[in-house]
Structure formats: structure tokens, C-alpha cells
Amino acid sequence: MNIQPVVRDAATSEFFDGAARGVFLLRRSTETGQVLAPSAVQDRVGNTDLEWVEASGLGRVVSWAFVPRRDGGSDTPVQLTIGVVELDEGPWWWTQLVDIERDTLIAGLRVRAVFPKSGPAETDEYVPVFTPTQDE
């Protein structure tokens, strides 16, 4: 799996704490109950009182692109599959799709989050990527 190293900051620390435990976290408005993406800072009516909530980590592929790149500075080409997943809770999430054969990737494919470490350094975080669910 070819994932770029990711390092947390103050705004992302709770999200990455969840990812290290294998839990996908979303934001929820305490006033409206609206479930939002992890990066949200307010709900649709401007409320900023948001809490972290555990999500299922399940969703469906909405769209994708195949991105060619070089692996670790070598001349070996690697193809990353980048996609948009509509989470079962509603928000859309840009992500890397893994363990999916190019010719089997279709809109609506059921996927689940897995949490590999993004690099070898102690400061590199576990990040959610998505793979087909076991029932696919």
C-alpha cells in the first residue's frame, strides 16, 4: 500500500486518535444533530458546537480516478486509486481505495474503512483508506 506520510495538528488530533484505534470519527452538531465530515467547523445553519461521534466506517463508492505515480523514487510505476465514498452516515469522503481490481470497480460498490499507518516515523498517523466489504 502506497500512502503518503500524514502528521496530525491540533485540529486533527481527535480524528487521528480514533484512526489509531481503528475507528472512523465524524462531527455532529449538538444543536441540529446534523452529521458532518471530520473537517467540518460548523453545521449548515452556522452552529459551531460540534462533537466527535463514531461512524460505522462503511459506505459506497461514488466516483474514482486512477492516478499513476512512481513508487518511492524508483522507476517502478504504481497506480493509486483515489475515490469519493459516500459514508453510510451521509458525508462524502475523499480517500484512497485499496485492494480493488480496476475492472471490478463500480459505482455503488460497498466499502469499509481500514487504517494503515501512513509512514514509518513515530509521528506518521494511521489513516482511513477504503477496501471492499467482505460481502462483495
N, C-alpha and C. Protein backbone atom coordinates (compact mmCIF):
# COMPACT_ATOMS: atom_id res chain seq x y z
N MET A 1 0.86 -1.18 0.00
CA MET A 1 0.00 0.00 0.00
C MET A 1 0.90 1.23 0.00
N ASN A 2 0.64 2.15 -0.87
CA ASN A 2 1.47 3.33 -1.02
C ASN A 2 0.71 4.55 -0.52
N ILE A 3 0.98 4.95 0.72
CA ILE A 3 0.30 6.08 1.35
C ILE A 3 1.33 7.11 1.75
N GLN A 4 1.06 8.36 1.46
CA GLN A 4 1.97 9.43 1.86
C GLN A 4 1.90 9.63 3.37
N PRO A 5 3.05 9.90 4.03
CA PRO A 5 3.03 10.15 5.47
C PRO A 5 2.14 11.33 5.83
N VAL A 6 1.37 11.16 6.89
CA VAL A 6 0.45 12.18 7.39
C VAL A 6 0.80 12.44 8.85
N VAL A 7 0.84 13.73 9.22
CA VAL A 7 1.14 14.12 10.58
C VAL A 7 -0.01 14.98 11.10
N ARG A 8 -0.40 14.77 12.35
CA ARG A 8 -1.53 15.50 12.95
C ARG A 8 -1.16 16.94 13.29
N ASP A 9 -2.20 17.74 13.49
CA ASP A 9 -2.07 19.07 14.08
C ASP A 9 -3.17 19.18 15.13
N ALA A 10 -3.30 20.33 15.76
CA ALA A 10 -4.27 20.48 16.84
C ALA A 10 -5.70 20.21 16.37
N ALA A 11 -6.03 20.59 15.15
CA ALA A 11 -7.40 20.44 14.65
C ALA A 11 -7.73 18.99 14.30
N THR A 12 -6.72 18.15 14.06
CA THR A 12 -6.97 16.79 13.62
C THR A 12 -6.64 15.73 14.67
N SER A 13 -6.21 16.14 15.84
CA SER A 13 -5.72 15.17 16.82
C SER A 13 -6.78 14.15 17.24
N GLU A 14 -8.01 14.57 17.50
CA GLU A 14 -9.03 13.60 17.90
C GLU A 14 -9.35 12.62 16.77
N PHE A 15 -9.40 13.13 15.54
CA PHE A 15 -9.66 12.26 14.39
C PHE A 15 -8.59 11.17 14.30
N PHE A 16 -7.32 11.56 14.42
CA PHE A 16 -6.24 10.59 14.32
C PHE A 16 -6.15 9.68 15.54
N ASP A 17 -6.58 10.14 16.71
CA ASP A 17 -6.67 9.25 17.87
C ASP A 17 -7.66 8.13 17.57
N GLY A 18 -8.80 8.47 16.95
CA GLY A 18 -9.78 7.47 16.55
C GLY A 18 -9.22 6.52 15.51
N ALA A 19 -8.55 7.07 14.50
CA ALA A 19 -7.99 6.23 13.44
C ALA A 19 -6.97 5.23 14.01
N ALA A 20 -6.18 5.66 14.99
CA ALA A 20 -5.20 4.76 15.60
C ALA A 20 -5.89 3.61 16.33
N ARG A 21 -7.14 3.83 16.76
CA ARG A 21 -7.93 2.77 17.41
C ARG A 21 -8.76 1.97 16.40
N GLY A 22 -8.66 2.33 15.11
CA GLY A 22 -9.45 1.66 14.09
C GLY A 22 -10.88 2.15 14.02
N VAL A 23 -11.11 3.42 14.43
CA VAL A 23 -12.45 4.00 14.47
C VAL A 23 -12.49 5.24 13.57
N PHE A 24 -13.49 5.28 12.68
CA PHE A 24 -13.69 6.44 11.82
C PHE A 24 -14.60 7.41 12.57
N LEU A 25 -14.12 8.63 12.80
CA LEU A 25 -14.90 9.63 13.54
C LEU A 25 -15.45 10.69 12.60
N LEU A 26 -16.67 11.10 12.87
CA LEU A 26 -17.31 12.20 12.17
C LEU A 26 -17.67 13.28 13.18
N ARG A 27 -18.07 14.45 12.69
CA ARG A 27 -18.54 15.52 13.56
C ARG A 27 -20.07 15.53 13.53
N ARG A 28 -20.68 15.91 14.64
CA ARG A 28 -22.14 16.05 14.71
C ARG A 28 -22.46 17.34 15.43
N SER A 29 -23.41 18.08 14.89
CA SER A 29 -23.87 19.31 15.52
C SER A 29 -24.67 18.96 16.76
N THR A 30 -24.31 19.54 17.88
CA THR A 30 -25.06 19.28 19.11
C THR A 30 -26.41 19.99 19.10
N GLU A 31 -26.56 20.98 18.21
CA GLU A 31 -27.83 21.72 18.14
C GLU A 31 -28.80 21.13 17.14
N THR A 32 -28.31 20.70 15.98
CA THR A 32 -29.22 20.21 14.94
C THR A 32 -29.15 18.70 14.75
N GLY A 33 -28.11 18.06 15.25
CA GLY A 33 -27.93 16.63 15.05
C GLY A 33 -27.35 16.26 13.71
N GLN A 34 -27.09 17.26 12.87
CA GLN A 34 -26.54 17.00 11.54
C GLN A 34 -25.17 16.32 11.67
N VAL A 35 -24.96 15.25 10.90
CA VAL A 35 -23.68 14.55 10.86
C VAL A 35 -22.86 15.15 9.73
N LEU A 36 -21.61 15.47 10.05
CA LEU A 36 -20.75 16.20 9.13
C LEU A 36 -19.42 15.50 8.94
N ALA A 37 -18.70 15.90 7.92
CA ALA A 37 -17.36 15.37 7.68
C ALA A 37 -16.42 15.75 8.82
N PRO A 38 -15.34 15.00 9.00
CA PRO A 38 -14.40 15.29 10.08
C PRO A 38 -13.79 16.69 10.03
N SER A 39 -13.70 17.28 8.86
CA SER A 39 -13.10 18.60 8.71
C SER A 39 -14.08 19.75 8.97
N ALA A 40 -15.35 19.45 9.22
CA ALA A 40 -16.36 20.49 9.40
C ALA A 40 -16.07 21.35 10.63
N VAL A 41 -16.35 22.64 10.50
CA VAL A 41 -16.20 23.55 11.63
C VAL A 41 -17.54 24.15 12.05
N GLN A 42 -18.58 23.93 11.21
CA GLN A 42 -19.93 24.38 11.56
C GLN A 42 -20.95 23.57 10.77
N ASP A 43 -22.20 23.55 11.26
CA ASP A 43 -23.26 22.85 10.53
C ASP A 43 -23.85 23.77 9.47
N ARG A 44 -24.88 23.31 8.78
CA ARG A 44 -25.42 24.07 7.64
C ARG A 44 -26.08 25.40 8.03
N VAL A 45 -26.41 25.56 9.33
CA VAL A 45 -27.00 26.84 9.75
C VAL A 45 -26.03 27.68 10.58
N GLY A 46 -24.76 27.28 10.60
CA GLY A 46 -23.74 28.10 11.24
C GLY A 46 -23.40 27.76 12.68
N ASN A 47 -24.03 26.73 13.25
CA ASN A 47 -23.69 26.33 14.62
C ASN A 47 -22.29 25.72 14.64
N THR A 48 -21.49 26.15 15.60
CA THR A 48 -20.12 25.66 15.70
C THR A 48 -19.90 24.69 16.86
N ASP A 49 -20.95 24.38 17.60
CA ASP A 49 -20.83 23.43 18.71
C ASP A 49 -20.95 22.02 18.14
N LEU A 50 -19.80 21.41 17.83
CA LEU A 50 -19.75 20.10 17.20
C LEU A 50 -19.07 19.11 18.14
N GLU A 51 -19.52 17.86 18.07
CA GLU A 51 -18.90 16.80 18.86
C GLU A 51 -18.42 15.71 17.93
N TRP A 52 -17.44 14.94 18.39
CA TRP A 52 -16.97 13.79 17.64
C TRP A 52 -17.87 12.60 17.93
N VAL A 53 -18.25 11.86 16.88
CA VAL A 53 -19.07 10.66 17.04
C VAL A 53 -18.47 9.53 16.21
N GLU A 54 -18.62 8.32 16.70
CA GLU A 54 -18.12 7.16 15.99
C GLU A 54 -19.02 6.84 14.81
N ALA A 55 -18.42 6.62 13.67
CA ALA A 55 -19.15 6.25 12.46
C ALA A 55 -18.97 4.75 12.21
N SER A 56 -19.76 4.21 11.32
CA SER A 56 -19.68 2.78 11.01
C SER A 56 -18.42 2.43 10.24
N GLY A 57 -17.87 3.40 9.50
CA GLY A 57 -16.73 3.11 8.64
C GLY A 57 -17.13 2.42 7.35
N LEU A 58 -18.43 2.43 7.05
CA LEU A 58 -18.96 1.79 5.84
C LEU A 58 -19.50 2.84 4.88
N GLY A 59 -19.47 2.51 3.61
CA GLY A 59 -20.02 3.42 2.62
C GLY A 59 -20.07 2.79 1.25
N ARG A 60 -20.35 3.65 0.26
CA ARG A 60 -20.43 3.23 -1.14
C ARG A 60 -19.57 4.14 -1.99
N VAL A 61 -18.88 3.56 -2.98
CA VAL A 61 -18.07 4.33 -3.90
C VAL A 61 -18.98 5.17 -4.79
N VAL A 62 -18.67 6.46 -4.86
CA VAL A 62 -19.43 7.38 -5.71
C VAL A 62 -18.68 7.63 -7.02
N SER A 63 -17.38 7.87 -6.90
CA SER A 63 -16.56 8.20 -8.06
C SER A 63 -15.11 7.83 -7.77
N TRP A 64 -14.28 7.74 -8.81
CA TRP A 64 -12.89 7.37 -8.62
C TRP A 64 -12.06 7.81 -9.80
N ALA A 65 -10.74 7.82 -9.59
CA ALA A 65 -9.78 8.10 -10.65
C ALA A 65 -8.54 7.25 -10.39
N PHE A 66 -7.88 6.84 -11.46
CA PHE A 66 -6.63 6.10 -11.34
C PHE A 66 -5.50 7.10 -11.55
N VAL A 67 -4.58 7.14 -10.59
CA VAL A 67 -3.51 8.14 -10.62
C VAL A 67 -2.17 7.41 -10.73
N PRO A 68 -1.49 7.56 -11.87
CA PRO A 68 -0.17 6.93 -12.00
C PRO A 68 0.88 7.74 -11.24
N ARG A 69 1.84 7.05 -10.62
CA ARG A 69 2.94 7.74 -9.94
C ARG A 69 4.11 6.78 -9.80
N ARG A 70 5.22 7.31 -9.38
CA ARG A 70 6.42 6.49 -9.15
C ARG A 70 6.46 6.06 -7.69
N ASP A 71 6.91 4.85 -7.44
CA ASP A 71 6.96 4.28 -6.09
C ASP A 71 8.27 4.61 -5.41
N GLY A 72 8.22 5.48 -4.38
CA GLY A 72 9.38 5.76 -3.55
C GLY A 72 10.62 6.20 -4.30
N GLY A 73 10.48 6.94 -5.36
CA GLY A 73 11.63 7.43 -6.10
C GLY A 73 12.19 6.45 -7.11
N SER A 74 11.66 5.24 -7.15
CA SER A 74 12.15 4.27 -8.13
C SER A 74 11.46 4.54 -9.47
N ASP A 75 11.88 3.78 -10.45
CA ASP A 75 11.27 3.92 -11.78
C ASP A 75 10.07 3.02 -11.95
N THR A 76 9.67 2.32 -10.88
CA THR A 76 8.53 1.42 -10.95
C THR A 76 7.23 2.20 -10.86
N PRO A 77 6.40 2.15 -11.92
CA PRO A 77 5.13 2.87 -11.84
C PRO A 77 4.15 2.18 -10.89
N VAL A 78 3.42 2.98 -10.16
CA VAL A 78 2.39 2.50 -9.24
C VAL A 78 1.11 3.23 -9.59
N GLN A 79 0.01 2.53 -9.56
CA GLN A 79 -1.27 3.19 -9.83
C GLN A 79 -2.06 3.29 -8.54
N LEU A 80 -2.33 4.50 -8.10
CA LEU A 80 -3.18 4.71 -6.95
C LEU A 80 -4.61 4.86 -7.44
N THR A 81 -5.55 4.38 -6.64
CA THR A 81 -6.96 4.59 -6.95
C THR A 81 -7.50 5.53 -5.89
N ILE A 82 -7.86 6.70 -6.32
CA ILE A 82 -8.41 7.74 -5.44
C ILE A 82 -9.91 7.79 -5.68
N GLY A 83 -10.69 7.86 -4.61
CA GLY A 83 -12.13 7.83 -4.79
C GLY A 83 -12.88 8.72 -3.83
N VAL A 84 -14.13 8.86 -4.13
CA VAL A 84 -15.08 9.53 -3.24
C VAL A 84 -16.03 8.45 -2.73
N VAL A 85 -16.14 8.38 -1.39
CA VAL A 85 -17.02 7.41 -0.76
C VAL A 85 -18.12 8.17 -0.04
N GLU A 86 -19.37 7.79 -0.31
CA GLU A 86 -20.47 8.32 0.48
C GLU A 86 -20.61 7.42 1.70
N LEU A 87 -20.30 7.98 2.87
CA LEU A 87 -20.39 7.21 4.10
C LEU A 87 -21.84 6.90 4.42
N ASP A 88 -22.10 5.79 5.09
CA ASP A 88 -23.47 5.42 5.44
C ASP A 88 -24.16 6.51 6.25
N GLU A 89 -23.39 7.31 6.98
CA GLU A 89 -23.95 8.40 7.79
C GLU A 89 -24.26 9.65 6.97
N GLY A 90 -23.83 9.69 5.68
CA GLY A 90 -24.19 10.81 4.82
C GLY A 90 -23.04 11.58 4.21
N PRO A 91 -22.03 12.01 4.99
CA PRO A 91 -20.96 12.80 4.38
C PRO A 91 -20.19 12.03 3.31
N TRP A 92 -19.58 12.78 2.40
CA TRP A 92 -18.71 12.20 1.39
C TRP A 92 -17.28 12.36 1.86
N TRP A 93 -16.42 11.39 1.51
CA TRP A 93 -15.05 11.38 1.98
C TRP A 93 -14.12 11.06 0.81
N TRP A 94 -13.15 11.95 0.56
CA TRP A 94 -12.11 11.67 -0.44
C TRP A 94 -11.13 10.71 0.19
N THR A 95 -10.72 9.66 -0.54
CA THR A 95 -9.90 8.62 0.07
C THR A 95 -9.13 7.84 -0.97
N GLN A 96 -8.24 7.02 -0.50
CA GLN A 96 -7.58 6.05 -1.36
C GLN A 96 -8.38 4.75 -1.28
N LEU A 97 -8.62 4.13 -2.42
CA LEU A 97 -9.30 2.83 -2.48
C LEU A 97 -8.22 1.78 -2.67
N VAL A 98 -8.27 0.73 -1.84
CA VAL A 98 -7.22 -0.30 -1.88
C VAL A 98 -7.83 -1.68 -2.05
N ASP A 99 -7.01 -2.59 -2.56
CA ASP A 99 -7.41 -3.99 -2.74
C ASP A 99 -8.66 -4.14 -3.62
N ILE A 100 -8.74 -3.29 -4.64
CA ILE A 100 -9.86 -3.32 -5.58
C ILE A 100 -9.27 -3.46 -6.98
N GLU A 101 -9.67 -4.49 -7.68
CA GLU A 101 -9.22 -4.67 -9.06
C GLU A 101 -9.87 -3.60 -9.93
N ARG A 102 -9.09 -3.04 -10.82
CA ARG A 102 -9.56 -1.96 -11.69
C ARG A 102 -10.84 -2.32 -12.43
N ASP A 103 -10.94 -3.53 -12.94
CA ASP A 103 -12.12 -3.90 -13.74
C ASP A 103 -13.33 -4.29 -12.90
N THR A 104 -13.19 -4.34 -11.57
CA THR A 104 -14.34 -4.65 -10.72
C THR A 104 -14.87 -3.41 -9.98
N LEU A 105 -14.21 -2.29 -10.18
CA LEU A 105 -14.62 -1.06 -9.50
C LEU A 105 -15.84 -0.47 -10.20
N ILE A 106 -16.95 -0.35 -9.44
CA ILE A 106 -18.19 0.18 -9.99
C ILE A 106 -18.80 1.16 -8.99
N ALA A 107 -19.59 2.08 -9.50
CA ALA A 107 -20.33 2.99 -8.62
C ALA A 107 -21.26 2.16 -7.75
N GLY A 108 -21.31 2.51 -6.49
CA GLY A 108 -22.18 1.79 -5.56
C GLY A 108 -21.49 0.65 -4.84
N LEU A 109 -20.24 0.32 -5.20
CA LEU A 109 -19.52 -0.75 -4.54
C LEU A 109 -19.44 -0.48 -3.04
N ARG A 110 -19.82 -1.46 -2.23
CA ARG A 110 -19.76 -1.32 -0.76
C ARG A 110 -18.32 -1.44 -0.29
N VAL A 111 -17.91 -0.50 0.54
CA VAL A 111 -16.55 -0.46 1.05
C VAL A 111 -16.55 -0.21 2.56
N ARG A 112 -15.41 -0.53 3.17
CA ARG A 112 -15.25 -0.29 4.60
C ARG A 112 -13.88 0.33 4.84
N ALA A 113 -13.77 1.08 5.91
CA ALA A 113 -12.51 1.72 6.26
C ALA A 113 -11.55 0.72 6.90
N VAL A 114 -10.29 0.82 6.52
CA VAL A 114 -9.18 0.15 7.20
C VAL A 114 -8.16 1.24 7.50
N PHE A 115 -7.28 1.00 8.46
CA PHE A 115 -6.45 2.08 8.98
C PHE A 115 -4.97 1.73 9.00
N PRO A 116 -4.30 1.76 7.85
CA PRO A 116 -2.86 1.51 7.83
C PRO A 116 -2.09 2.73 8.35
N LYS A 117 -0.88 2.50 8.80
CA LYS A 117 0.00 3.60 9.22
C LYS A 117 0.52 4.27 7.96
N SER A 118 0.56 5.59 7.96
CA SER A 118 0.90 6.33 6.75
C SER A 118 2.39 6.42 6.47
N GLY A 119 3.21 5.99 7.37
CA GLY A 119 4.65 6.03 7.15
C GLY A 119 5.37 5.40 8.32
N PRO A 120 6.69 5.30 8.22
CA PRO A 120 7.47 4.60 9.24
C PRO A 120 7.81 5.44 10.48
N ALA A 121 7.71 6.76 10.38
CA ALA A 121 8.10 7.62 11.50
C ALA A 121 7.08 7.53 12.64
N GLU A 122 7.56 7.75 13.84
CA GLU A 122 6.68 7.73 15.01
C GLU A 122 5.54 8.74 14.87
N THR A 123 5.79 9.87 14.22
CA THR A 123 4.78 10.92 14.07
C THR A 123 3.82 10.67 12.92
N ASP A 124 4.08 9.66 12.09
CA ASP A 124 3.17 9.35 10.98
C ASP A 124 1.92 8.68 11.53
N GLU A 125 0.78 9.14 11.08
CA GLU A 125 -0.51 8.71 11.62
C GLU A 125 -1.09 7.50 10.89
N TYR A 126 -2.02 6.82 11.55
CA TYR A 126 -2.88 5.83 10.92
C TYR A 126 -3.97 6.61 10.20
N VAL A 127 -4.26 6.21 8.98
CA VAL A 127 -5.23 6.95 8.17
C VAL A 127 -6.28 6.01 7.59
N PRO A 128 -7.51 6.50 7.42
CA PRO A 128 -8.53 5.63 6.82
C PRO A 128 -8.38 5.58 5.30
N VAL A 129 -8.36 4.36 4.78
CA VAL A 129 -8.50 4.10 3.35
C VAL A 129 -9.63 3.10 3.25
N PHE A 130 -10.15 2.88 2.06
CA PHE A 130 -11.33 2.03 1.94
C PHE A 130 -11.07 0.84 1.02
N THR A 131 -11.62 -0.30 1.40
CA THR A 131 -11.47 -1.57 0.71
C THR A 131 -12.87 -2.21 0.58
N PRO A 132 -13.06 -3.10 -0.37
CA PRO A 132 -14.39 -3.74 -0.49
C PRO A 132 -14.78 -4.45 0.80
N THR A 133 -16.07 -4.43 1.11
CA THR A 133 -16.55 -5.16 2.27
C THR A 133 -16.46 -6.65 1.98
N GLN A 134 -16.49 -7.44 3.02
CA GLN A 134 -16.34 -8.89 2.87
C GLN A 134 -17.48 -9.52 2.09
N ASP A 135 -18.65 -8.88 2.08
CA ASP A 135 -19.80 -9.48 1.38
C ASP A 135 -19.86 -9.12 -0.08
N GLU A 136 -18.86 -8.40 -0.59
CA GLU A 136 -18.86 -8.05 -2.02
C GLU A 136 -18.27 -9.17 -2.84
